């Protein structure tokens, strides 16, 4: 194998299909890639690179771009099959990226369109220090705690309070923790993102983005079309990702309600509970987040596909600062 590797071990292109579908052009490009000794690679549906982001807006030049409605259409798979067959005749292979643009899981907005309950959800905290009284603003939920030495929570005083109420306490330093719900972050071009903390997400995404390949490529899946590239340079949700599944997982690990525990994730406390809650939080997130990728990988494996991904979180630095 090492002295005479097959062509499947040749380099793989990350091939953008970002122009209007043109079968002859695609076959020509595939031929030139193979002439260079490379597999045509992972076909990635995208908007044209003439579309680029400036701040929070999108600016388009006159470069023709792929219509996202053509992604996974009959025309898409007709061209995809022809390219796969052309590669196979020369001993090469083809793969695909399982998303239009990125991050994977959205299926070009089709997941949330069909399943609005899978929209991204997060809790955004606000901390307010006070001494004797405070008005709790409208929010999803809130907690208060007395703050002791070294800016730590006195655990025995931590309790939840009702939004929209006024609270009075004796002298001392207190902290109000309010949490507002934010939905839809993580999408592109005005689309809402998806909730990676919902265990139903991979089921919906597989139906929208993977099953069409199995239904349209038939026996080519596995022998000729060998790999699924999961382009997921996104975020699982921040500052605090949120779902019922995440709350259930956290309670299973700690015996505590996540709403009541969030202040201990934000601040240190006098009993040393904070690092325990923080570890449980990240372990709960990791359990559900990895389950999303595991479900996709299992689906691929059953059909003879390998599954690869780039899981670097582009927003991780910002999350750490938050």
C-alpha atoms as a PDB file:
ATOM      1  CA  UNK A   1       0.000   0.000   0.000  1.00  0.00           C
ATOM      2  CA  UNK A   2       2.754   2.455   0.898  1.00  0.00           C
ATOM      3  CA  UNK A   3       4.910   1.611  -2.107  1.00  0.00           C
ATOM      4  CA  UNK A   4       2.018   1.919  -4.554  1.00  0.00           C
ATOM      5  CA  UNK A   5      -0.917   3.790  -2.970  1.00  0.00           C
ATOM      6  CA  UNK A   6      -4.167   3.965  -4.886  1.00  0.00           C
ATOM      7  CA  UNK A   7      -5.555   7.261  -6.132  1.00  0.00           C
ATOM      8  CA  UNK A   8      -7.923   7.541  -3.192  1.00  0.00           C
ATOM      9  CA  UNK A   9      -4.870   8.584  -1.177  1.00  0.00           C
ATOM     10  CA  UNK A  10      -4.133  11.459  -3.534  1.00  0.00           C
ATOM     11  CA  UNK A  11      -4.882  14.988  -2.282  1.00  0.00           C
ATOM     12  CA  UNK A  12      -8.525  16.004  -2.144  1.00  0.00           C
ATOM     13  CA  UNK A  13      -9.767  19.361  -3.339  1.00  0.00           C
ATOM     14  CA  UNK A  14     -12.229  21.455  -1.357  1.00  0.00           C
ATOM     15  CA  UNK A  15     -14.238  22.197  -4.474  1.00  0.00           C
ATOM     16  CA  UNK A  16     -16.647  25.142  -4.408  1.00  0.00           C
ATOM     17  CA  UNK A  17     -19.697  24.800  -6.615  1.00  0.00           C
ATOM     18  CA  UNK A  18     -20.490  28.487  -6.307  1.00  0.00           C
ATOM     19  CA  UNK A  19     -21.556  29.359  -9.842  1.00  0.00           C
ATOM     20  CA  UNK A  20     -24.767  28.504 -11.711  1.00  0.00           C
ATOM     21  CA  UNK A  21     -24.810  24.794 -12.521  1.00  0.00           C
ATOM     22  CA  UNK A  22     -23.048  24.049 -15.817  1.00  0.00           C
ATOM     23  CA  UNK A  23     -22.387  20.357 -16.415  1.00  0.00           C
ATOM     24  CA  UNK A  24     -19.751  20.798 -19.093  1.00  0.00           C
ATOM     25  CA  UNK A  25     -17.869  23.333 -17.016  1.00  0.00           C
ATOM     26  CA  UNK A  26     -17.946  21.025 -13.982  1.00  0.00           C
ATOM     27  CA  UNK A  27     -16.707  18.046 -15.996  1.00  0.00           C
ATOM     28  CA  UNK A  28     -13.938  20.198 -17.455  1.00  0.00           C
ATOM     29  CA  UNK A  29     -12.834  21.384 -14.012  1.00  0.00           C
ATOM     30  CA  UNK A  30     -12.952  17.830 -12.659  1.00  0.00           C
ATOM     31  CA  UNK A  31     -10.761  16.699 -15.554  1.00  0.00           C
ATOM     32  CA  UNK A  32      -8.171  19.382 -14.854  1.00  0.00           C
ATOM     33  CA  UNK A  33      -8.116  18.470 -11.167  1.00  0.00           C
ATOM     34  CA  UNK A  34      -7.516  14.812 -12.006  1.00  0.00           C
ATOM     35  CA  UNK A  35      -4.872  15.754 -14.576  1.00  0.00           C
ATOM     36  CA  UNK A  36      -3.037  17.310 -11.613  1.00  0.00           C
ATOM     37  CA  UNK A  37      -3.117  14.004  -9.749  1.00  0.00           C
ATOM     38  CA  UNK A  38      -5.819  14.938  -7.261  1.00  0.00           C
ATOM     39  CA  UNK A  39      -9.270  13.677  -6.395  1.00  0.00           C
ATOM     40  CA  UNK A  40     -11.964  16.165  -7.426  1.00  0.00           C
ATOM     41  CA  UNK A  41     -12.649  16.339  -3.718  1.00  0.00           C
ATOM     42  CA  UNK A  42     -15.468  17.538  -1.524  1.00  0.00           C
ATOM     43  CA  UNK A  43     -18.176  19.347  -3.447  1.00  0.00           C
ATOM     44  CA  UNK A  44     -19.264  22.379  -1.432  1.00  0.00           C
ATOM     45  CA  UNK A  45     -22.312  24.398  -2.448  1.00  0.00           C
ATOM     46  CA  UNK A  46     -21.709  28.083  -1.750  1.00  0.00           C
ATOM     47  CA  UNK A  47     -22.533  31.574  -2.787  1.00  0.00           C
ATOM     48  CA  UNK A  48     -19.989  33.042  -5.162  1.00  0.00           C
ATOM     49  CA  UNK A  49     -16.799  34.359  -3.624  1.00  0.00           C
ATOM     50  CA  UNK A  50     -17.879  37.628  -5.184  1.00  0.00           C
ATOM     51  CA  UNK A  51     -20.223  37.808  -2.210  1.00  0.00           C
ATOM     52  CA  UNK A  52     -18.364  38.943   0.871  1.00  0.00           C
ATOM     53  CA  UNK A  53     -19.111  40.331   4.294  1.00  0.00           C
ATOM     54  CA  UNK A  54     -18.418  43.900   5.352  1.00  0.00           C
ATOM     55  CA  UNK A  55     -19.333  44.462   8.982  1.00  0.00           C
ATOM     56  CA  UNK A  56     -22.863  43.210   9.385  1.00  0.00           C
ATOM     57  CA  UNK A  57     -23.935  43.647   5.765  1.00  0.00           C
ATOM     58  CA  UNK A  58     -23.348  41.689   2.577  1.00  0.00           C
ATOM     59  CA  UNK A  59     -22.057  43.296  -0.570  1.00  0.00           C
ATOM     60  CA  UNK A  60     -22.511  41.583  -3.913  1.00  0.00           C
ATOM     61  CA  UNK A  61     -20.529  42.177  -7.067  1.00  0.00           C
ATOM     62  CA  UNK A  62     -21.707  41.019 -10.479  1.00  0.00           C
ATOM     63  CA  UNK A  63     -20.195  37.533 -10.240  1.00  0.00           C
ATOM     64  CA  UNK A  64     -22.908  34.945 -11.063  1.00  0.00           C
ATOM     65  CA  UNK A  65     -23.621  32.774  -8.045  1.00  0.00           C
ATOM     66  CA  UNK A  66     -25.186  29.395  -7.378  1.00  0.00           C
ATOM     67  CA  UNK A  67     -28.873  29.669  -6.604  1.00  0.00           C
ATOM     68  CA  UNK A  68     -29.290  27.910  -3.269  1.00  0.00           C
ATOM     69  CA  UNK A  69     -32.571  26.451  -4.530  1.00  0.00           C
ATOM     70  CA  UNK A  70     -30.459  24.367  -6.917  1.00  0.00           C
ATOM     71  CA  UNK A  71     -28.610  22.732  -4.024  1.00  0.00           C
ATOM     72  CA  UNK A  72     -29.861  19.117  -3.749  1.00  0.00           C
ATOM     73  CA  UNK A  73     -32.195  19.637  -6.700  1.00  0.00           C
ATOM     74  CA  UNK A  74     -32.638  17.174  -9.552  1.00  0.00           C
ATOM     75  CA  UNK A  75     -30.200  19.253 -11.616  1.00  0.00           C
ATOM     76  CA  UNK A  76     -27.676  19.210  -8.769  1.00  0.00           C
ATOM     77  CA  UNK A  77     -27.688  15.442  -8.543  1.00  0.00           C
ATOM     78  CA  UNK A  78     -27.637  14.970 -12.306  1.00  0.00           C
ATOM     79  CA  UNK A  79     -24.379  16.950 -12.478  1.00  0.00           C
ATOM     80  CA  UNK A  80     -23.039  15.349  -9.299  1.00  0.00           C
ATOM     81  CA  UNK A  81     -23.610  11.827 -10.666  1.00  0.00           C
ATOM     82  CA  UNK A  82     -21.881  12.670 -13.945  1.00  0.00           C
ATOM     83  CA  UNK A  83     -18.849  14.108 -12.148  1.00  0.00           C
ATOM     84  CA  UNK A  84     -18.686  11.093  -9.814  1.00  0.00           C
ATOM     85  CA  UNK A  85     -18.818   8.711 -12.769  1.00  0.00           C
ATOM     86  CA  UNK A  86     -16.123  10.671 -14.611  1.00  0.00           C
ATOM     87  CA  UNK A  87     -13.901  10.452 -11.532  1.00  0.00           C
ATOM     88  CA  UNK A  88     -14.545   6.736 -11.147  1.00  0.00           C
ATOM     89  CA  UNK A  89     -13.530   6.039 -14.752  1.00  0.00           C
ATOM     90  CA  UNK A  90     -10.084   7.395 -13.920  1.00  0.00           C
ATOM     91  CA  UNK A  91      -9.820   5.706 -10.521  1.00  0.00           C
ATOM     92  CA  UNK A  92     -10.612   8.782  -8.446  1.00  0.00           C
ATOM     93  CA  UNK A  93     -13.345   9.440  -5.923  1.00  0.00           C
ATOM     94  CA  UNK A  94     -15.713  12.224  -4.929  1.00  0.00           C
ATOM     95  CA  UNK A  95     -17.107  13.468  -1.638  1.00  0.00           C
ATOM     96  CA  UNK A  96     -19.475  16.189  -0.531  1.00  0.00           C
ATOM     97  CA  UNK A  97     -19.872  18.882   2.092  1.00  0.00           C
ATOM     98  CA  UNK A  98     -23.216  18.317   3.778  1.00  0.00           C
ATOM     99  CA  UNK A  99     -24.248  21.984   3.958  1.00  0.00           C
ATOM    100  CA  UNK A 100     -24.826  24.974   1.742  1.00  0.00           C
ATOM    101  CA  UNK A 101     -22.176  27.451   2.923  1.00  0.00           C
ATOM    102  CA  UNK A 102     -21.764  26.837   6.676  1.00  0.00           C
ATOM    103  CA  UNK A 103     -22.208  26.028   9.524  1.00  0.00           C
ATOM    104  CA  UNK A 104     -23.474  22.515   9.013  1.00  0.00           C
ATOM    105  CA  UNK A 105     -26.809  21.726  10.608  1.00  0.00           C
ATOM    106  CA  UNK A 106     -28.835  24.479   8.980  1.00  0.00           C
ATOM    107  CA  UNK A 107     -29.395  22.951   5.510  1.00  0.00           C
ATOM    108  CA  UNK A 108     -29.561  26.432   3.972  1.00  0.00           C
ATOM    109  CA  UNK A 109     -32.284  27.451   6.415  1.00  0.00           C
ATOM    110  CA  UNK A 110     -34.470  24.465   5.601  1.00  0.00           C
ATOM    111  CA  UNK A 111     -34.170  22.873   9.052  1.00  0.00           C
ATOM    112  CA  UNK A 112     -35.626  25.843  10.933  1.00  0.00           C
ATOM    113  CA  UNK A 113     -38.215  26.409   8.197  1.00  0.00           C
ATOM    114  CA  UNK A 114     -39.537  22.869   8.679  1.00  0.00           C
ATOM    115  CA  UNK A 115     -38.835  22.739  12.420  1.00  0.00           C
ATOM    116  CA  UNK A 116     -39.092  26.195  14.000  1.00  0.00           C
ATOM    117  CA  UNK A 117     -38.687  24.607  17.414  1.00  0.00           C
ATOM    118  CA  UNK A 118     -35.042  23.883  16.498  1.00  0.00           C
ATOM    119  CA  UNK A 119     -34.083  27.561  16.303  1.00  0.00           C
ATOM    120  CA  UNK A 120     -30.954  28.512  18.244  1.00  0.00           C
ATOM    121  CA  UNK A 121     -31.621  29.532  21.833  1.00  0.00           C
ATOM    122  CA  UNK A 122     -29.318  31.092  24.425  1.00  0.00           C
ATOM    123  CA  UNK A 123     -29.458  32.907  27.744  1.00  0.00           C
ATOM    124  CA  UNK A 124     -27.712  36.264  28.080  1.00  0.00           C
ATOM    125  CA  UNK A 125     -26.791  37.275  31.652  1.00  0.00           C
ATOM    126  CA  UNK A 126     -26.766  40.738  33.219  1.00  0.00           C
ATOM    127  CA  UNK A 127     -25.211  41.279  36.659  1.00  0.00           C
ATOM    128  CA  UNK A 128     -26.287  44.196  38.857  1.00  0.00           C
ATOM    129  CA  UNK A 129     -24.823  44.949  42.285  1.00  0.00           C
ATOM    130  CA  UNK A 130     -27.010  46.654  44.914  1.00  0.00           C
ATOM    131  CA  UNK A 131     -27.062  47.218  48.672  1.00  0.00           C
ATOM    132  CA  UNK A 132     -30.601  47.406  50.058  1.00  0.00           C
ATOM    133  CA  UNK A 133     -33.178  47.216  47.266  1.00  0.00           C
ATOM    134  CA  UNK A 134     -33.461  46.423  43.580  1.00  0.00           C
ATOM    135  CA  UNK A 135     -36.151  46.205  40.901  1.00  0.00           C
ATOM    136  CA  UNK A 136     -35.981  42.956  38.971  1.00  0.00           C
ATOM    137  CA  UNK A 137     -36.574  43.791  35.302  1.00  0.00           C
ATOM    138  CA  UNK A 138     -38.605  41.613  32.921  1.00  0.00           C
ATOM    139  CA  UNK A 139     -36.461  38.631  31.928  1.00  0.00           C
ATOM    140  CA  UNK A 140     -36.649  34.859  31.527  1.00  0.00           C
ATOM    141  CA  UNK A 141     -35.525  34.161  35.096  1.00  0.00           C
ATOM    142  CA  UNK A 142     -33.399  35.769  37.826  1.00  0.00           C
ATOM    143  CA  UNK A 143     -31.450  35.039  41.002  1.00  0.00           C
ATOM    144  CA  UNK A 144     -29.884  37.052  43.806  1.00  0.00           C
ATOM    145  CA  UNK A 145     -27.030  36.349  46.193  1.00  0.00           C
ATOM    146  CA  UNK A 146     -25.096  38.188  48.860  1.00  0.00           C
ATOM    147  CA  UNK A 147     -21.526  38.886  47.827  1.00  0.00           C
ATOM    148  CA  UNK A 148     -18.809  38.316  50.372  1.00  0.00           C
ATOM    149  CA  UNK A 149     -15.070  38.713  50.529  1.00  0.00           C
ATOM    150  CA  UNK A 150     -13.050  38.487  47.337  1.00  0.00           C
ATOM    151  CA  UNK A 151     -16.208  39.046  45.289  1.00  0.00           C
ATOM    152  CA  UNK A 152     -17.563  35.551  45.966  1.00  0.00           C
ATOM    153  CA  UNK A 153     -21.147  34.361  46.333  1.00  0.00           C
ATOM    154  CA  UNK A 154     -22.275  33.453  49.833  1.00  0.00           C
ATOM    155  CA  UNK A 155     -23.924  30.193  48.801  1.00  0.00           C
ATOM    156  CA  UNK A 156     -26.507  30.093  51.600  1.00  0.00           C
ATOM    157  CA  UNK A 157     -28.047  33.337  50.285  1.00  0.00           C
ATOM    158  CA  UNK A 158     -28.350  32.326  46.621  1.00  0.00           C
ATOM    159  CA  UNK A 159     -31.964  32.007  45.536  1.00  0.00           C
ATOM    160  CA  UNK A 160     -34.210  32.645  42.566  1.00  0.00           C
ATOM    161  CA  UNK A 161     -36.519  35.672  42.407  1.00  0.00           C
ATOM    162  CA  UNK A 162     -39.444  36.578  40.194  1.00  0.00           C
ATOM    163  CA  UNK A 163     -38.946  38.943  37.251  1.00  0.00           C
ATOM    164  CA  UNK A 164     -40.837  42.204  37.441  1.00  0.00           C
ATOM    165  CA  UNK A 165     -40.725  42.473  41.246  1.00  0.00           C
ATOM    166  CA  UNK A 166     -38.975  44.770  43.714  1.00  0.00           C
ATOM    167  CA  UNK A 167     -36.782  43.332  46.470  1.00  0.00           C
ATOM    168  CA  UNK A 168     -35.511  44.850  49.716  1.00  0.00           C
ATOM    169  CA  UNK A 169     -32.776  43.459  51.942  1.00  0.00           C
ATOM    170  CA  UNK A 170     -30.772  44.473  54.949  1.00  0.00           C
ATOM    171  CA  UNK A 171     -27.444  46.276  54.565  1.00  0.00           C
ATOM    172  CA  UNK A 172     -24.782  44.460  52.622  1.00  0.00           C
ATOM    173  CA  UNK A 173     -23.566  43.882  49.129  1.00  0.00           C
ATOM    174  CA  UNK A 174     -25.942  41.891  46.939  1.00  0.00           C
ATOM    175  CA  UNK A 175     -25.892  40.849  43.295  1.00  0.00           C
ATOM    176  CA  UNK A 176     -28.821  40.391  40.951  1.00  0.00           C
ATOM    177  CA  UNK A 177     -28.413  37.908  38.087  1.00  0.00           C
ATOM    178  CA  UNK A 178     -30.937  38.293  35.281  1.00  0.00           C
ATOM    179  CA  UNK A 179     -31.085  36.122  32.187  1.00  0.00           C
ATOM    180  CA  UNK A 180     -32.729  37.173  28.932  1.00  0.00           C
ATOM    181  CA  UNK A 181     -33.521  34.729  26.138  1.00  0.00           C
ATOM    182  CA  UNK A 182     -31.939  35.301  22.733  1.00  0.00           C
ATOM    183  CA  UNK A 183     -33.071  33.223  19.789  1.00  0.00           C
ATOM    184  CA  UNK A 184     -31.787  32.728  16.263  1.00  0.00           C
ATOM    185  CA  UNK A 185     -28.085  33.597  16.525  1.00  0.00           C
ATOM    186  CA  UNK A 186     -25.517  31.721  14.466  1.00  0.00           C
ATOM    187  CA  UNK A 187     -27.188  31.927  11.059  1.00  0.00           C
ATOM    188  CA  UNK A 188     -25.959  33.726   7.967  1.00  0.00           C
ATOM    189  CA  UNK A 189     -27.492  36.395   5.755  1.00  0.00           C
ATOM    190  CA  UNK A 190     -30.355  37.093   8.086  1.00  0.00           C
ATOM    191  CA  UNK A 191     -31.261  33.455   8.684  1.00  0.00           C
ATOM    192  CA  UNK A 192     -31.716  32.126  12.222  1.00  0.00           C
ATOM    193  CA  UNK A 193     -29.228  29.534  13.397  1.00  0.00           C
ATOM    194  CA  UNK A 194     -30.070  26.103  14.782  1.00  0.00           C
ATOM    195  CA  UNK A 195     -29.935  24.735  18.311  1.00  0.00           C
ATOM    196  CA  UNK A 196     -27.092  22.240  18.608  1.00  0.00           C
ATOM    197  CA  UNK A 197     -28.240  21.528  22.166  1.00  0.00           C
ATOM    198  CA  UNK A 198     -31.473  19.936  20.911  1.00  0.00           C
ATOM    199  CA  UNK A 199     -31.133  16.183  20.422  1.00  0.00           C
ATOM    200  CA  UNK A 200     -33.710  16.309  17.625  1.00  0.00           C
ATOM    201  CA  UNK A 201     -31.467  18.466  15.433  1.00  0.00           C
ATOM    202  CA  UNK A 202     -29.455  15.655  13.770  1.00  0.00           C
ATOM    203  CA  UNK A 203     -32.660  13.817  12.837  1.00  0.00           C
ATOM    204  CA  UNK A 204     -34.017  16.889  11.063  1.00  0.00           C
ATOM    205  CA  UNK A 205     -30.692  17.740   9.424  1.00  0.00           C
ATOM    206  CA  UNK A 206     -30.145  14.206   8.129  1.00  0.00           C
ATOM    207  CA  UNK A 207     -33.569  14.273   6.509  1.00  0.00           C
ATOM    208  CA  UNK A 208     -32.912  17.621   4.810  1.00  0.00           C
ATOM    209  CA  UNK A 209     -29.231  17.325   3.852  1.00  0.00           C
ATOM    210  CA  UNK A 210     -28.024  13.702   3.869  1.00  0.00           C
ATOM    211  CA  UNK A 211     -30.932  11.524   2.808  1.00  0.00           C
ATOM    212  CA  UNK A 212     -31.128  13.288  -0.586  1.00  0.00           C
ATOM    213  CA  UNK A 213     -27.628  11.984  -1.358  1.00  0.00           C
ATOM    214  CA  UNK A 214     -28.591   8.422  -0.451  1.00  0.00           C
ATOM    215  CA  UNK A 215     -31.817   8.685  -2.455  1.00  0.00           C
ATOM    216  CA  UNK A 216     -30.188  10.142  -5.566  1.00  0.00           C
ATOM    217  CA  UNK A 217     -26.780   8.479  -5.712  1.00  0.00           C
ATOM    218  CA  UNK A 218     -27.807   4.914  -4.938  1.00  0.00           C
ATOM    219  CA  UNK A 219     -24.959   2.407  -5.304  1.00  0.00           C
ATOM    220  CA  UNK A 220     -22.450   5.204  -5.877  1.00  0.00           C
ATOM    221  CA  UNK A 221     -22.604   5.975  -2.145  1.00  0.00           C
ATOM    222  CA  UNK A 222     -19.661   4.193  -0.547  1.00  0.00           C
ATOM    223  CA  UNK A 223     -17.614   2.908  -3.509  1.00  0.00           C
ATOM    224  CA  UNK A 224     -17.511   6.091  -5.652  1.00  0.00           C
ATOM    225  CA  UNK A 225     -18.776   8.820  -3.339  1.00  0.00           C
ATOM    226  CA  UNK A 226     -16.851   8.030  -0.208  1.00  0.00           C
ATOM    227  CA  UNK A 227     -16.820  10.917   2.249  1.00  0.00           C
ATOM    228  CA  UNK A 228     -18.976  13.500   4.022  1.00  0.00           C
ATOM    229  CA  UNK A 229     -17.217  16.691   5.092  1.00  0.00           C
ATOM    230  CA  UNK A 230     -19.034  18.485   7.911  1.00  0.00           C
ATOM    231  CA  UNK A 231     -18.105  22.175   7.742  1.00  0.00           C
ATOM    232  CA  UNK A 232     -19.022  23.396  11.190  1.00  0.00           C
ATOM    233  CA  UNK A 233     -16.950  26.437  12.065  1.00  0.00           C
ATOM    234  CA  UNK A 234     -19.780  27.768  14.164  1.00  0.00           C
ATOM    235  CA  UNK A 235     -20.743  27.882  17.819  1.00  0.00           C
ATOM    236  CA  UNK A 236     -22.909  25.651  19.959  1.00  0.00           C
ATOM    237  CA  UNK A 237     -24.519  28.809  21.367  1.00  0.00           C
ATOM    238  CA  UNK A 238     -23.541  31.557  23.730  1.00  0.00           C
ATOM    239  CA  UNK A 239     -23.124  33.084  26.181  1.00  0.00           C
ATOM    240  CA  UNK A 240     -25.177  30.186  27.601  1.00  0.00           C
ATOM    241  CA  UNK A 241     -26.604  27.687  25.123  1.00  0.00           C
ATOM    242  CA  UNK A 242     -30.090  26.611  26.094  1.00  0.00           C
ATOM    243  CA  UNK A 243     -32.505  23.734  25.569  1.00  0.00           C
ATOM    244  CA  UNK A 244     -34.642  21.373  27.550  1.00  0.00           C
ATOM    245  CA  UNK A 245     -32.210  18.581  26.701  1.00  0.00           C
ATOM    246  CA  UNK A 246     -29.347  20.595  28.166  1.00  0.00           C
ATOM    247  CA  UNK A 247     -31.314  21.349  31.322  1.00  0.00           C
ATOM    248  CA  UNK A 248     -32.180  17.658  31.716  1.00  0.00           C
ATOM    249  CA  UNK A 249     -28.559  16.588  31.175  1.00  0.00           C
ATOM    250  CA  UNK A 250     -27.290  19.121  33.708  1.00  0.00           C
ATOM    251  CA  UNK A 251     -29.816  18.040  36.326  1.00  0.00           C
ATOM    252  CA  UNK A 252     -28.916  14.399  35.709  1.00  0.00           C
ATOM    253  CA  UNK A 253     -25.271  15.208  36.449  1.00  0.00           C
ATOM    254  CA  UNK A 254     -25.734  17.558  39.389  1.00  0.00           C
ATOM    255  CA  UNK A 255     -29.231  17.146  40.805  1.00  0.00           C
ATOM    256  CA  UNK A 256     -29.660  20.915  40.367  1.00  0.00           C
ATOM    257  CA  UNK A 257     -31.841  23.010  38.107  1.00  0.00           C
ATOM    258  CA  UNK A 258     -29.686  24.799  35.551  1.00  0.00           C
ATOM    259  CA  UNK A 259     -31.544  28.096  36.018  1.00  0.00           C
ATOM    260  CA  UNK A 260     -30.615  28.166  39.692  1.00  0.00           C
ATOM    261  CA  UNK A 261     -27.028  27.084  39.078  1.00  0.00           C
ATOM    262  CA  UNK A 262     -26.055  29.651  36.425  1.00  0.00           C
ATOM    263  CA  UNK A 263     -24.811  32.263  38.968  1.00  0.00           C
ATOM    264  CA  UNK A 264     -22.371  29.641  40.270  1.00  0.00           C
ATOM    265  CA  UNK A 265     -21.056  29.196  36.737  1.00  0.00           C
ATOM    266  CA  UNK A 266     -20.526  32.936  36.435  1.00  0.00           C
ATOM    267  CA  UNK A 267     -19.019  33.668  39.878  1.00  0.00           C
ATOM    268  CA  UNK A 268     -16.927  31.886  42.489  1.00  0.00           C
ATOM    269  CA  UNK A 269     -18.577  30.991  45.790  1.00  0.00           C
ATOM    270  CA  UNK A 270     -17.552  30.411  49.397  1.00  0.00           C
ATOM    271  CA  UNK A 271     -18.179  26.631  49.374  1.00  0.00           C
ATOM    272  CA  UNK A 272     -16.265  25.749  46.216  1.00  0.00           C
ATOM    273  CA  UNK A 273     -19.372  24.764  44.245  1.00  0.00           C
ATOM    274  CA  UNK A 274     -18.516  26.996  41.295  1.00  0.00           C
ATOM    275  CA  UNK A 275     -15.855  24.781  39.645  1.00  0.00           C
ATOM    276  CA  UNK A 276     -18.144  21.758  40.078  1.00  0.00           C
ATOM    277  CA  UNK A 277     -21.017  23.556  38.339  1.00  0.00           C
ATOM    278  CA  UNK A 278     -18.745  24.849  35.581  1.00  0.00           C
ATOM    279  CA  UNK A 279     -17.386  21.392  34.850  1.00  0.00           C
ATOM    280  CA  UNK A 280     -20.899  19.939  34.861  1.00  0.00           C
ATOM    281  CA  UNK A 281     -22.024  22.676  32.466  1.00  0.00           C
ATOM    282  CA  UNK A 282     -19.291  21.970  29.928  1.00  0.00           C
ATOM    283  CA  UNK A 283     -19.669  18.215  30.302  1.00  0.00           C
ATOM    284  CA  UNK A 284     -23.401  18.565  29.613  1.00  0.00           C
ATOM    285  CA  UNK A 285     -22.761  20.741  26.561  1.00  0.00           C
ATOM    286  CA  UNK A 286     -20.108  18.325  25.290  1.00  0.00           C
ATOM    287  CA  UNK A 287     -22.391  15.318  25.725  1.00  0.00           C
ATOM    288  CA  UNK A 288     -25.142  16.804  23.569  1.00  0.00           C
ATOM    289  CA  UNK A 289     -22.848  18.550  21.075  1.00  0.00           C
ATOM    290  CA  UNK A 290     -20.862  15.382  20.434  1.00  0.00           C
ATOM    291  CA  UNK A 291     -24.127  13.494  20.066  1.00  0.00           C
ATOM    292  CA  UNK A 292     -25.021  15.705  17.107  1.00  0.00           C
ATOM    293  CA  UNK A 293     -21.827  14.764  15.268  1.00  0.00           C
ATOM    294  CA  UNK A 294     -22.100  11.171  16.410  1.00  0.00           C
ATOM    295  CA  UNK A 295     -25.540  10.813  14.837  1.00  0.00           C
ATOM    296  CA  UNK A 296     -24.258  12.113  11.491  1.00  0.00           C
ATOM    297  CA  UNK A 297     -21.185   9.897  11.655  1.00  0.00           C
ATOM    298  CA  UNK A 298     -23.313   6.823  12.448  1.00  0.00           C
ATOM    299  CA  UNK A 299     -25.607   7.574   9.497  1.00  0.00           C
ATOM    300  CA  UNK A 300     -22.604   7.872   7.193  1.00  0.00           C
ATOM    301  CA  UNK A 301     -20.923   4.720   8.487  1.00  0.00           C
ATOM    302  CA  UNK A 302     -24.006   2.603   7.813  1.00  0.00           C
ATOM    303  CA  UNK A 303     -23.805   3.684   4.164  1.00  0.00           C
ATOM    304  CA  UNK A 304     -20.086   3.181   3.672  1.00  0.00           C
ATOM    305  CA  UNK A 305     -19.175   6.870   4.005  1.00  0.00           C
ATOM    306  CA  UNK A 306     -16.500   8.279   6.258  1.00  0.00           C
ATOM    307  CA  UNK A 307     -17.242  11.426   8.271  1.00  0.00           C
ATOM    308  CA  UNK A 308     -14.764  14.239   8.831  1.00  0.00           C
ATOM    309  CA  UNK A 309     -15.168  17.737  10.205  1.00  0.00           C
ATOM    310  CA  UNK A 310     -13.398  20.884  11.276  1.00  0.00           C
ATOM    311  CA  UNK A 311     -14.715  21.693  14.715  1.00  0.00           C
ATOM    312  CA  UNK A 312     -12.709  24.803  15.523  1.00  0.00           C
ATOM    313  CA  UNK A 313     -15.095  27.279  17.070  1.00  0.00           C
ATOM    314  CA  UNK A 314     -14.606  30.591  15.297  1.00  0.00           C
ATOM    315  CA  UNK A 315     -16.420  32.396  18.108  1.00  0.00           C
ATOM    316  CA  UNK A 316     -14.661  30.610  20.976  1.00  0.00           C
ATOM    317  CA  UNK A 317     -12.461  33.608  21.753  1.00  0.00           C
ATOM    318  CA  UNK A 318     -15.503  35.884  21.983  1.00  0.00           C
ATOM    319  CA  UNK A 319     -17.297  33.334  24.155  1.00  0.00           C
ATOM    320  CA  UNK A 320     -14.314  33.239  26.510  1.00  0.00           C
ATOM    321  CA  UNK A 321     -14.342  37.011  26.797  1.00  0.00           C
ATOM    322  CA  UNK A 322     -18.085  36.969  27.490  1.00  0.00           C
END
